[in-house]
């Protein structure tokens, strides 16, 4: 029971750390704020995906993680190119990622890792979609609005897949 409770605490802490870069934005942001928030979410997705490829056990978790690394790397590259044209900085949040990695590595049960990763992906994509929808609707920069609008269908697909993954691995995020 103590190990179960310790794993629950670690899973909750993991979700909290990864969501730090995922704060919701419901008011129009300045372009630099959107770039910072969106790039932080992208970095978190790539790093979490790499860890899930390494630490995950289930084939569907590893496959989903591979898609996250590939798709979010491509989106990050597009966002970085737009940001560079506008002389805006993208986020890297190395300390956030180090903390997330440390917490993930502390999880002992492979099933717990797969479940924690799947649940986190639902919550992270819900927050990212809210950010991108707000930017697409109310953004102040035409190029960033287009980027957000163009990226939304893929993010929504990721959310659908994450919900299936969470349901398959006993997660509760898919039910919310």
N, C-alpha and C. Protein backbone atom coordinates (compact mmCIF):
# COMPACT_ATOMS: atom_id res chain seq x y z
N UNK A 1 0.83 -1.19 0.00
CA UNK A 1 0.00 0.00 0.00
C UNK A 1 0.87 1.25 0.00
N UNK A 2 1.97 1.22 0.73
CA UNK A 2 2.86 2.39 0.78
C UNK A 2 3.43 2.69 -0.60
N UNK A 3 3.84 1.64 -1.34
CA UNK A 3 4.36 1.86 -2.69
C UNK A 3 3.29 2.43 -3.61
N UNK A 4 2.06 1.92 -3.47
CA UNK A 4 0.96 2.44 -4.29
C UNK A 4 0.76 3.92 -4.01
N UNK A 5 0.71 4.30 -2.76
CA UNK A 5 0.51 5.71 -2.40
C UNK A 5 1.68 6.57 -2.87
N UNK A 6 2.90 6.06 -2.74
CA UNK A 6 4.07 6.80 -3.20
C UNK A 6 3.97 7.02 -4.72
N UNK A 7 3.58 5.97 -5.47
CA UNK A 7 3.42 6.11 -6.91
C UNK A 7 2.33 7.11 -7.26
N UNK A 8 1.22 7.10 -6.50
CA UNK A 8 0.15 8.07 -6.75
C UNK A 8 0.66 9.50 -6.55
N UNK A 9 1.46 9.71 -5.52
CA UNK A 9 2.02 11.04 -5.27
C UNK A 9 2.94 11.43 -6.42
N UNK A 10 3.77 10.50 -6.88
CA UNK A 10 4.69 10.80 -7.98
C UNK A 10 3.92 11.10 -9.27
N UNK A 11 2.86 10.35 -9.53
CA UNK A 11 2.06 10.58 -10.73
C UNK A 11 1.44 11.97 -10.67
N UNK A 12 0.88 12.32 -9.51
CA UNK A 12 0.30 13.65 -9.36
C UNK A 12 1.33 14.74 -9.50
N UNK A 13 2.50 14.53 -8.94
CA UNK A 13 3.57 15.53 -9.06
C UNK A 13 4.03 15.66 -10.50
N UNK A 14 4.11 14.55 -11.21
CA UNK A 14 4.49 14.59 -12.63
C UNK A 14 3.50 15.44 -13.41
N UNK A 15 2.22 15.19 -13.22
CA UNK A 15 1.20 15.95 -13.94
C UNK A 15 1.31 17.44 -13.60
N UNK A 16 1.56 17.74 -12.34
CA UNK A 16 1.69 19.15 -11.93
C UNK A 16 2.89 19.82 -12.58
N UNK A 17 4.02 19.12 -12.60
CA UNK A 17 5.23 19.71 -13.20
C UNK A 17 5.05 19.93 -14.69
N UNK A 18 4.54 18.92 -15.39
CA UNK A 18 4.38 19.07 -16.83
C UNK A 18 3.32 20.10 -17.18
N UNK A 19 2.36 20.32 -16.29
CA UNK A 19 1.34 21.31 -16.58
C UNK A 19 1.79 22.72 -16.24
N UNK A 20 2.92 22.89 -15.58
CA UNK A 20 3.43 24.23 -15.29
C UNK A 20 3.61 25.03 -16.57
N UNK A 21 4.09 24.37 -17.58
CA UNK A 21 4.25 25.03 -18.87
C UNK A 21 2.96 25.05 -19.66
N UNK A 22 1.88 24.58 -19.06
CA UNK A 22 0.62 24.43 -19.77
C UNK A 22 -0.49 25.27 -19.17
N UNK A 23 -0.18 26.40 -18.58
CA UNK A 23 -1.21 27.24 -18.00
C UNK A 23 -2.18 27.70 -19.06
N UNK A 24 -3.44 27.71 -18.73
CA UNK A 24 -4.45 28.10 -19.70
C UNK A 24 -4.40 29.59 -19.95
N UNK A 25 -4.71 29.94 -21.16
CA UNK A 25 -4.73 31.35 -21.54
C UNK A 25 -6.07 31.63 -22.19
N UNK A 26 -6.93 32.34 -21.50
CA UNK A 26 -8.26 32.59 -22.02
C UNK A 26 -8.45 34.03 -22.46
N UNK A 27 -7.43 34.83 -22.36
CA UNK A 27 -7.49 36.19 -22.87
C UNK A 27 -6.44 36.30 -23.95
N UNK A 28 -6.68 37.18 -24.91
CA UNK A 28 -5.72 37.34 -26.00
C UNK A 28 -4.35 37.69 -25.41
N UNK A 29 -3.35 37.01 -25.90
CA UNK A 29 -1.99 37.22 -25.41
C UNK A 29 -1.20 38.04 -26.42
N UNK A 30 -0.13 38.60 -25.94
CA UNK A 30 0.82 39.21 -26.85
C UNK A 30 1.50 38.08 -27.62
N UNK A 31 2.00 38.37 -28.82
CA UNK A 31 2.65 37.32 -29.61
C UNK A 31 3.80 36.64 -28.86
N UNK A 32 4.59 37.40 -28.10
CA UNK A 32 5.71 36.78 -27.39
C UNK A 32 5.22 35.83 -26.30
N UNK A 33 4.07 36.12 -25.67
CA UNK A 33 3.51 35.23 -24.66
C UNK A 33 3.03 33.92 -25.29
N UNK A 34 2.37 34.03 -26.44
CA UNK A 34 1.91 32.82 -27.12
C UNK A 34 3.10 31.96 -27.53
N UNK A 35 4.12 32.57 -28.11
CA UNK A 35 5.30 31.82 -28.54
C UNK A 35 5.94 31.13 -27.34
N UNK A 36 6.05 31.84 -26.24
CA UNK A 36 6.65 31.27 -25.03
C UNK A 36 5.82 30.09 -24.52
N UNK A 37 4.50 30.28 -24.40
CA UNK A 37 3.63 29.22 -23.88
C UNK A 37 3.59 28.02 -24.83
N UNK A 38 3.40 28.30 -26.12
CA UNK A 38 3.29 27.22 -27.10
C UNK A 38 4.59 26.44 -27.22
N UNK A 39 5.72 27.14 -27.18
CA UNK A 39 6.99 26.42 -27.29
C UNK A 39 7.28 25.62 -26.03
N UNK A 40 6.87 26.13 -24.87
CA UNK A 40 7.04 25.36 -23.63
C UNK A 40 6.24 24.06 -23.69
N UNK A 41 5.01 24.15 -24.18
CA UNK A 41 4.19 22.95 -24.31
C UNK A 41 4.81 21.98 -25.31
N UNK A 42 5.33 22.50 -26.39
CA UNK A 42 5.96 21.65 -27.40
C UNK A 42 7.19 20.94 -26.86
N UNK A 43 8.02 21.66 -26.13
CA UNK A 43 9.21 21.05 -25.52
C UNK A 43 8.79 19.97 -24.53
N UNK A 44 7.76 20.25 -23.73
CA UNK A 44 7.29 19.27 -22.75
C UNK A 44 6.80 18.00 -23.46
N UNK A 45 6.07 18.16 -24.55
CA UNK A 45 5.58 17.00 -25.30
C UNK A 45 6.72 16.16 -25.86
N UNK A 46 7.71 16.81 -26.43
CA UNK A 46 8.85 16.09 -27.00
C UNK A 46 9.61 15.33 -25.91
N UNK A 47 9.90 16.01 -24.81
CA UNK A 47 10.68 15.37 -23.74
C UNK A 47 9.90 14.23 -23.09
N UNK A 48 8.61 14.46 -22.83
CA UNK A 48 7.79 13.40 -22.24
C UNK A 48 7.69 12.22 -23.21
N UNK A 49 7.56 12.51 -24.50
CA UNK A 49 7.50 11.45 -25.50
C UNK A 49 8.77 10.63 -25.55
N UNK A 50 9.91 11.30 -25.47
CA UNK A 50 11.18 10.57 -25.46
C UNK A 50 11.27 9.65 -24.26
N UNK A 51 10.85 10.14 -23.10
CA UNK A 51 10.88 9.31 -21.89
C UNK A 51 9.90 8.14 -22.00
N UNK A 52 8.74 8.39 -22.59
CA UNK A 52 7.76 7.32 -22.73
C UNK A 52 8.27 6.25 -23.69
N UNK A 53 9.02 6.65 -24.72
CA UNK A 53 9.60 5.65 -25.62
C UNK A 53 10.61 4.80 -24.87
N UNK A 54 11.30 5.41 -23.94
CA UNK A 54 12.33 4.70 -23.17
C UNK A 54 11.73 3.88 -22.02
N UNK A 55 10.79 4.46 -21.27
CA UNK A 55 10.29 3.84 -20.04
C UNK A 55 8.95 3.13 -20.20
N UNK A 56 8.21 3.46 -21.24
CA UNK A 56 6.92 2.81 -21.43
C UNK A 56 7.09 1.34 -21.73
N UNK A 57 6.07 0.57 -21.43
CA UNK A 57 6.12 -0.87 -21.67
C UNK A 57 5.19 -1.26 -22.82
N UNK A 58 4.00 -0.72 -22.82
CA UNK A 58 3.00 -1.09 -23.81
C UNK A 58 3.37 -0.55 -25.20
N UNK A 59 3.11 -1.35 -26.21
CA UNK A 59 3.42 -0.95 -27.59
C UNK A 59 2.64 0.29 -28.01
N UNK A 60 1.38 0.40 -27.58
CA UNK A 60 0.59 1.57 -27.96
C UNK A 60 1.09 2.84 -27.31
N UNK A 61 1.64 2.74 -26.11
CA UNK A 61 2.23 3.90 -25.44
C UNK A 61 3.48 4.35 -26.20
N UNK A 62 4.31 3.39 -26.55
CA UNK A 62 5.54 3.73 -27.29
C UNK A 62 5.22 4.32 -28.66
N UNK A 63 4.23 3.78 -29.33
CA UNK A 63 3.84 4.28 -30.64
C UNK A 63 3.28 5.70 -30.54
N UNK A 64 2.43 5.93 -29.55
CA UNK A 64 1.88 7.27 -29.34
C UNK A 64 3.01 8.25 -29.01
N UNK A 65 3.92 7.82 -28.16
CA UNK A 65 5.05 8.69 -27.78
C UNK A 65 5.91 9.04 -28.99
N UNK A 66 6.11 8.09 -29.87
CA UNK A 66 6.88 8.35 -31.09
C UNK A 66 6.17 9.41 -31.94
N UNK A 67 4.84 9.29 -32.06
CA UNK A 67 4.07 10.28 -32.81
C UNK A 67 4.20 11.66 -32.15
N UNK A 68 4.18 11.71 -30.80
CA UNK A 68 4.30 12.99 -30.10
C UNK A 68 5.64 13.64 -30.38
N UNK A 69 6.70 12.86 -30.34
CA UNK A 69 8.04 13.41 -30.60
C UNK A 69 8.11 13.95 -32.03
N UNK A 70 7.64 13.16 -32.98
CA UNK A 70 7.70 13.56 -34.38
C UNK A 70 6.83 14.79 -34.67
N UNK A 71 5.57 14.72 -34.28
CA UNK A 71 4.64 15.81 -34.60
C UNK A 71 4.98 17.11 -33.86
N UNK A 72 5.33 16.99 -32.58
CA UNK A 72 5.63 18.21 -31.81
C UNK A 72 7.00 18.79 -32.17
N UNK A 73 7.92 17.97 -32.61
CA UNK A 73 9.20 18.50 -33.11
C UNK A 73 8.94 19.32 -34.37
N UNK A 74 8.11 18.79 -35.27
CA UNK A 74 7.78 19.52 -36.50
C UNK A 74 7.08 20.84 -36.17
N UNK A 75 6.10 20.80 -35.27
CA UNK A 75 5.39 22.03 -34.89
C UNK A 75 6.34 23.02 -34.22
N UNK A 76 7.22 22.51 -33.36
CA UNK A 76 8.20 23.38 -32.69
C UNK A 76 9.10 24.06 -33.71
N UNK A 77 9.51 23.32 -34.73
CA UNK A 77 10.37 23.89 -35.78
C UNK A 77 9.64 25.00 -36.54
N UNK A 78 8.37 24.78 -36.86
CA UNK A 78 7.58 25.80 -37.55
C UNK A 78 7.44 27.05 -36.68
N UNK A 79 7.11 26.82 -35.41
CA UNK A 79 6.94 27.95 -34.50
C UNK A 79 8.25 28.71 -34.33
N UNK A 80 9.35 27.98 -34.23
CA UNK A 80 10.65 28.62 -34.08
C UNK A 80 10.98 29.49 -35.29
N UNK A 81 10.66 29.01 -36.48
CA UNK A 81 10.92 29.79 -37.70
C UNK A 81 10.11 31.08 -37.71
N UNK A 82 8.84 30.99 -37.34
CA UNK A 82 8.00 32.19 -37.26
C UNK A 82 8.55 33.14 -36.20
N UNK A 83 8.90 32.60 -35.04
CA UNK A 83 9.41 33.41 -33.94
C UNK A 83 10.70 34.13 -34.34
N UNK A 84 11.59 33.43 -35.04
CA UNK A 84 12.85 34.05 -35.46
C UNK A 84 12.61 35.20 -36.42
N UNK A 85 11.65 35.05 -37.33
CA UNK A 85 11.32 36.13 -38.26
C UNK A 85 10.84 37.37 -37.51
N UNK A 86 10.18 37.14 -36.39
CA UNK A 86 9.59 38.24 -35.63
C UNK A 86 10.47 38.66 -34.44
N UNK A 87 11.64 38.04 -34.37
CA UNK A 87 12.58 38.32 -33.29
C UNK A 87 11.97 38.05 -31.90
N UNK A 88 11.25 36.93 -31.80
CA UNK A 88 10.66 36.47 -30.55
C UNK A 88 11.41 35.22 -30.10
N UNK A 89 11.51 35.04 -28.79
CA UNK A 89 12.23 33.88 -28.27
C UNK A 89 11.29 32.73 -27.97
N UNK A 90 11.75 31.52 -28.32
CA UNK A 90 11.00 30.32 -27.96
C UNK A 90 11.51 29.82 -26.62
N UNK A 91 10.67 29.07 -25.95
CA UNK A 91 11.00 28.56 -24.63
C UNK A 91 11.76 27.25 -24.72
N UNK A 92 12.63 27.00 -23.76
CA UNK A 92 13.27 25.69 -23.68
C UNK A 92 13.04 25.02 -22.32
N UNK A 93 12.82 25.78 -21.28
CA UNK A 93 12.51 25.28 -19.94
C UNK A 93 13.34 24.05 -19.53
N UNK A 94 14.65 24.12 -19.59
CA UNK A 94 15.43 22.93 -19.24
C UNK A 94 15.24 22.48 -17.79
N UNK A 95 15.06 23.40 -16.86
CA UNK A 95 14.86 22.98 -15.46
C UNK A 95 13.55 22.24 -15.30
N UNK A 96 12.50 22.70 -15.95
CA UNK A 96 11.21 22.02 -15.89
C UNK A 96 11.35 20.60 -16.40
N UNK A 97 12.06 20.42 -17.50
CA UNK A 97 12.22 19.09 -18.08
C UNK A 97 13.06 18.19 -17.18
N UNK A 98 14.09 18.75 -16.55
CA UNK A 98 14.90 17.94 -15.64
C UNK A 98 14.05 17.43 -14.47
N UNK A 99 13.17 18.29 -13.94
CA UNK A 99 12.29 17.87 -12.84
C UNK A 99 11.32 16.81 -13.32
N UNK A 100 10.75 16.98 -14.49
CA UNK A 100 9.81 16.00 -15.01
C UNK A 100 10.48 14.66 -15.22
N UNK A 101 11.69 14.67 -15.79
CA UNK A 101 12.42 13.42 -16.00
C UNK A 101 12.70 12.72 -14.68
N UNK A 102 13.12 13.48 -13.69
CA UNK A 102 13.43 12.88 -12.39
C UNK A 102 12.20 12.21 -11.80
N UNK A 103 11.04 12.87 -11.90
CA UNK A 103 9.82 12.28 -11.34
C UNK A 103 9.38 11.05 -12.12
N UNK A 104 9.49 11.10 -13.42
CA UNK A 104 9.10 9.95 -14.22
C UNK A 104 9.99 8.76 -13.89
N UNK A 105 11.27 9.00 -13.77
CA UNK A 105 12.20 7.91 -13.49
C UNK A 105 11.97 7.30 -12.11
N UNK A 106 11.35 8.05 -11.20
CA UNK A 106 11.07 7.52 -9.87
C UNK A 106 9.91 6.54 -9.87
N UNK A 107 9.08 6.58 -10.88
CA UNK A 107 7.97 5.64 -10.94
C UNK A 107 8.55 4.24 -11.09
N UNK A 108 8.06 3.33 -10.28
CA UNK A 108 8.65 2.00 -10.27
C UNK A 108 7.91 1.01 -11.15
N UNK A 109 6.64 1.12 -11.22
CA UNK A 109 5.84 0.15 -11.96
C UNK A 109 5.65 0.61 -13.40
N UNK A 110 5.97 -0.26 -14.34
CA UNK A 110 5.82 0.09 -15.75
C UNK A 110 4.37 0.43 -16.08
N UNK A 111 3.43 -0.32 -15.52
CA UNK A 111 2.01 -0.03 -15.75
C UNK A 111 1.67 1.36 -15.22
N UNK A 112 2.19 1.72 -14.08
CA UNK A 112 1.95 3.05 -13.53
C UNK A 112 2.51 4.11 -14.45
N UNK A 113 3.68 3.86 -15.03
CA UNK A 113 4.26 4.84 -15.94
C UNK A 113 3.35 5.02 -17.15
N UNK A 114 2.94 3.93 -17.77
CA UNK A 114 2.09 4.02 -18.96
C UNK A 114 0.80 4.77 -18.64
N UNK A 115 0.20 4.45 -17.50
CA UNK A 115 -1.04 5.10 -17.10
C UNK A 115 -0.81 6.59 -16.84
N UNK A 116 0.27 6.91 -16.13
CA UNK A 116 0.58 8.31 -15.82
C UNK A 116 0.83 9.10 -17.10
N UNK A 117 1.57 8.52 -18.02
CA UNK A 117 1.86 9.20 -19.28
C UNK A 117 0.57 9.44 -20.07
N UNK A 118 -0.27 8.42 -20.18
CA UNK A 118 -1.52 8.55 -20.93
C UNK A 118 -2.41 9.63 -20.32
N UNK A 119 -2.58 9.61 -19.01
CA UNK A 119 -3.40 10.62 -18.34
C UNK A 119 -2.83 12.02 -18.56
N UNK A 120 -1.52 12.14 -18.46
CA UNK A 120 -0.89 13.45 -18.65
C UNK A 120 -1.13 13.96 -20.06
N UNK A 121 -1.10 13.07 -21.04
CA UNK A 121 -1.28 13.50 -22.42
C UNK A 121 -2.68 14.05 -22.66
N UNK A 122 -3.68 13.49 -22.01
CA UNK A 122 -5.04 14.03 -22.12
C UNK A 122 -5.06 15.45 -21.56
N UNK A 123 -4.57 15.61 -20.36
CA UNK A 123 -4.61 16.92 -19.70
C UNK A 123 -3.75 17.95 -20.43
N UNK A 124 -2.57 17.54 -20.86
CA UNK A 124 -1.67 18.47 -21.55
C UNK A 124 -2.27 18.92 -22.88
N UNK A 125 -2.89 18.00 -23.60
CA UNK A 125 -3.47 18.39 -24.90
C UNK A 125 -4.73 19.23 -24.72
N UNK A 126 -5.49 19.01 -23.68
CA UNK A 126 -6.64 19.88 -23.41
C UNK A 126 -6.17 21.32 -23.17
N UNK A 127 -5.12 21.47 -22.39
CA UNK A 127 -4.59 22.81 -22.12
C UNK A 127 -3.99 23.44 -23.37
N UNK A 128 -3.29 22.65 -24.15
CA UNK A 128 -2.68 23.17 -25.38
C UNK A 128 -3.75 23.59 -26.38
N UNK A 129 -4.78 22.80 -26.52
CA UNK A 129 -5.87 23.14 -27.44
C UNK A 129 -6.53 24.45 -27.02
N UNK A 130 -6.75 24.64 -25.73
CA UNK A 130 -7.34 25.90 -25.25
C UNK A 130 -6.45 27.09 -25.64
N UNK A 131 -5.15 26.94 -25.47
CA UNK A 131 -4.21 28.01 -25.83
C UNK A 131 -4.27 28.30 -27.33
N UNK A 132 -4.23 27.26 -28.14
CA UNK A 132 -4.21 27.42 -29.60
C UNK A 132 -5.55 27.94 -30.12
N UNK A 133 -6.67 27.51 -29.53
CA UNK A 133 -7.97 28.03 -29.94
C UNK A 133 -8.07 29.53 -29.66
N UNK A 134 -7.57 29.93 -28.50
CA UNK A 134 -7.59 31.35 -28.14
C UNK A 134 -6.73 32.15 -29.11
N UNK A 135 -5.56 31.65 -29.44
CA UNK A 135 -4.68 32.36 -30.36
C UNK A 135 -5.30 32.42 -31.76
N UNK A 136 -5.87 31.31 -32.22
CA UNK A 136 -6.48 31.27 -33.55
C UNK A 136 -7.64 32.26 -33.65
N UNK A 137 -8.39 32.40 -32.57
CA UNK A 137 -9.56 33.28 -32.58
C UNK A 137 -9.22 34.74 -32.32
N UNK A 138 -8.28 34.98 -31.41
CA UNK A 138 -8.06 36.35 -30.93
C UNK A 138 -6.63 36.84 -30.97
N UNK A 139 -5.74 36.07 -31.59
CA UNK A 139 -4.33 36.45 -31.62
C UNK A 139 -4.11 37.79 -32.31
N UNK A 140 -3.03 38.44 -31.95
CA UNK A 140 -2.72 39.76 -32.48
C UNK A 140 -1.79 39.72 -33.70
N UNK A 141 -1.19 38.56 -33.98
CA UNK A 141 -0.26 38.43 -35.09
C UNK A 141 -0.82 37.44 -36.11
N UNK A 142 -0.95 37.86 -37.35
CA UNK A 142 -1.57 37.03 -38.39
C UNK A 142 -0.84 35.71 -38.61
N UNK A 143 0.50 35.72 -38.58
CA UNK A 143 1.26 34.48 -38.81
C UNK A 143 1.07 33.50 -37.66
N UNK A 144 1.05 34.00 -36.45
CA UNK A 144 0.85 33.12 -35.29
C UNK A 144 -0.59 32.60 -35.24
N UNK A 145 -1.56 33.44 -35.63
CA UNK A 145 -2.95 32.98 -35.70
C UNK A 145 -3.07 31.84 -36.70
N UNK A 146 -2.42 31.98 -37.85
CA UNK A 146 -2.47 30.94 -38.87
C UNK A 146 -1.78 29.66 -38.37
N UNK A 147 -0.63 29.83 -37.72
CA UNK A 147 0.06 28.66 -37.15
C UNK A 147 -0.85 27.94 -36.17
N UNK A 148 -1.48 28.69 -35.28
CA UNK A 148 -2.36 28.09 -34.28
C UNK A 148 -3.54 27.38 -34.96
N UNK A 149 -4.14 28.04 -35.92
CA UNK A 149 -5.28 27.47 -36.63
C UNK A 149 -4.89 26.21 -37.41
N UNK A 150 -3.75 26.26 -38.07
CA UNK A 150 -3.26 25.11 -38.84
C UNK A 150 -2.87 23.93 -37.95
N UNK A 151 -2.43 24.21 -36.73
CA UNK A 151 -1.97 23.17 -35.82
C UNK A 151 -3.10 22.51 -35.04
N UNK A 152 -4.21 23.21 -34.88
CA UNK A 152 -5.32 22.70 -34.06
C UNK A 152 -5.84 21.32 -34.48
N UNK A 153 -6.05 21.04 -35.76
CA UNK A 153 -6.57 19.71 -36.11
C UNK A 153 -5.65 18.57 -35.62
N UNK A 154 -4.35 18.76 -35.73
CA UNK A 154 -3.43 17.72 -35.27
C UNK A 154 -3.49 17.59 -33.75
N UNK A 155 -3.57 18.72 -33.04
CA UNK A 155 -3.67 18.68 -31.58
C UNK A 155 -4.96 17.96 -31.15
N UNK A 156 -6.05 18.22 -31.85
CA UNK A 156 -7.31 17.55 -31.51
C UNK A 156 -7.23 16.06 -31.79
N UNK A 157 -6.54 15.68 -32.86
CA UNK A 157 -6.31 14.26 -33.14
C UNK A 157 -5.48 13.63 -32.01
N UNK A 158 -4.44 14.34 -31.58
CA UNK A 158 -3.63 13.85 -30.46
C UNK A 158 -4.49 13.64 -29.22
N UNK A 159 -5.39 14.58 -28.92
CA UNK A 159 -6.26 14.45 -27.75
C UNK A 159 -7.14 13.22 -27.87
N UNK A 160 -7.73 13.01 -29.04
CA UNK A 160 -8.56 11.81 -29.24
C UNK A 160 -7.75 10.54 -29.00
N UNK A 161 -6.55 10.50 -29.54
CA UNK A 161 -5.69 9.33 -29.37
C UNK A 161 -5.25 9.17 -27.91
N UNK A 162 -4.97 10.28 -27.24
CA UNK A 162 -4.57 10.23 -25.83
C UNK A 162 -5.71 9.70 -24.96
N UNK A 163 -6.94 10.10 -25.28
CA UNK A 163 -8.09 9.59 -24.52
C UNK A 163 -8.24 8.08 -24.69
N UNK A 164 -8.03 7.60 -25.91
CA UNK A 164 -8.08 6.14 -26.15
C UNK A 164 -6.98 5.44 -25.37
N UNK A 165 -5.79 6.04 -25.37
CA UNK A 165 -4.65 5.46 -24.66
C UNK A 165 -4.94 5.42 -23.16
N UNK A 166 -5.46 6.52 -22.61
CA UNK A 166 -5.77 6.56 -21.18
C UNK A 166 -6.82 5.52 -20.82
N UNK A 167 -7.85 5.39 -21.66
CA UNK A 167 -8.89 4.39 -21.39
C UNK A 167 -8.31 2.98 -21.43
N UNK A 168 -7.41 2.73 -22.36
CA UNK A 168 -6.81 1.39 -22.50
C UNK A 168 -5.91 1.03 -21.33
N UNK A 169 -5.37 2.05 -20.65
CA UNK A 169 -4.41 1.79 -19.57
C UNK A 169 -4.97 2.13 -18.20
N UNK A 170 -6.28 2.16 -18.08
CA UNK A 170 -6.90 2.34 -16.77
C UNK A 170 -6.80 3.75 -16.25
N UNK A 171 -6.59 4.71 -17.13
CA UNK A 171 -6.49 6.09 -16.68
C UNK A 171 -7.85 6.71 -16.45
N UNK A 172 -7.88 7.74 -15.65
CA UNK A 172 -9.14 8.42 -15.38
C UNK A 172 -9.30 9.71 -16.18
N UNK A 173 -8.25 10.18 -16.83
CA UNK A 173 -8.32 11.45 -17.57
C UNK A 173 -9.26 11.36 -18.76
N UNK A 174 -9.40 10.18 -19.34
CA UNK A 174 -10.24 10.03 -20.53
C UNK A 174 -11.71 10.20 -20.20
N UNK A 175 -12.07 10.09 -18.93
CA UNK A 175 -13.47 10.18 -18.53
C UNK A 175 -13.92 11.59 -18.24
N UNK A 176 -12.97 12.51 -18.15
CA UNK A 176 -13.30 13.87 -17.74
C UNK A 176 -13.94 14.64 -18.87
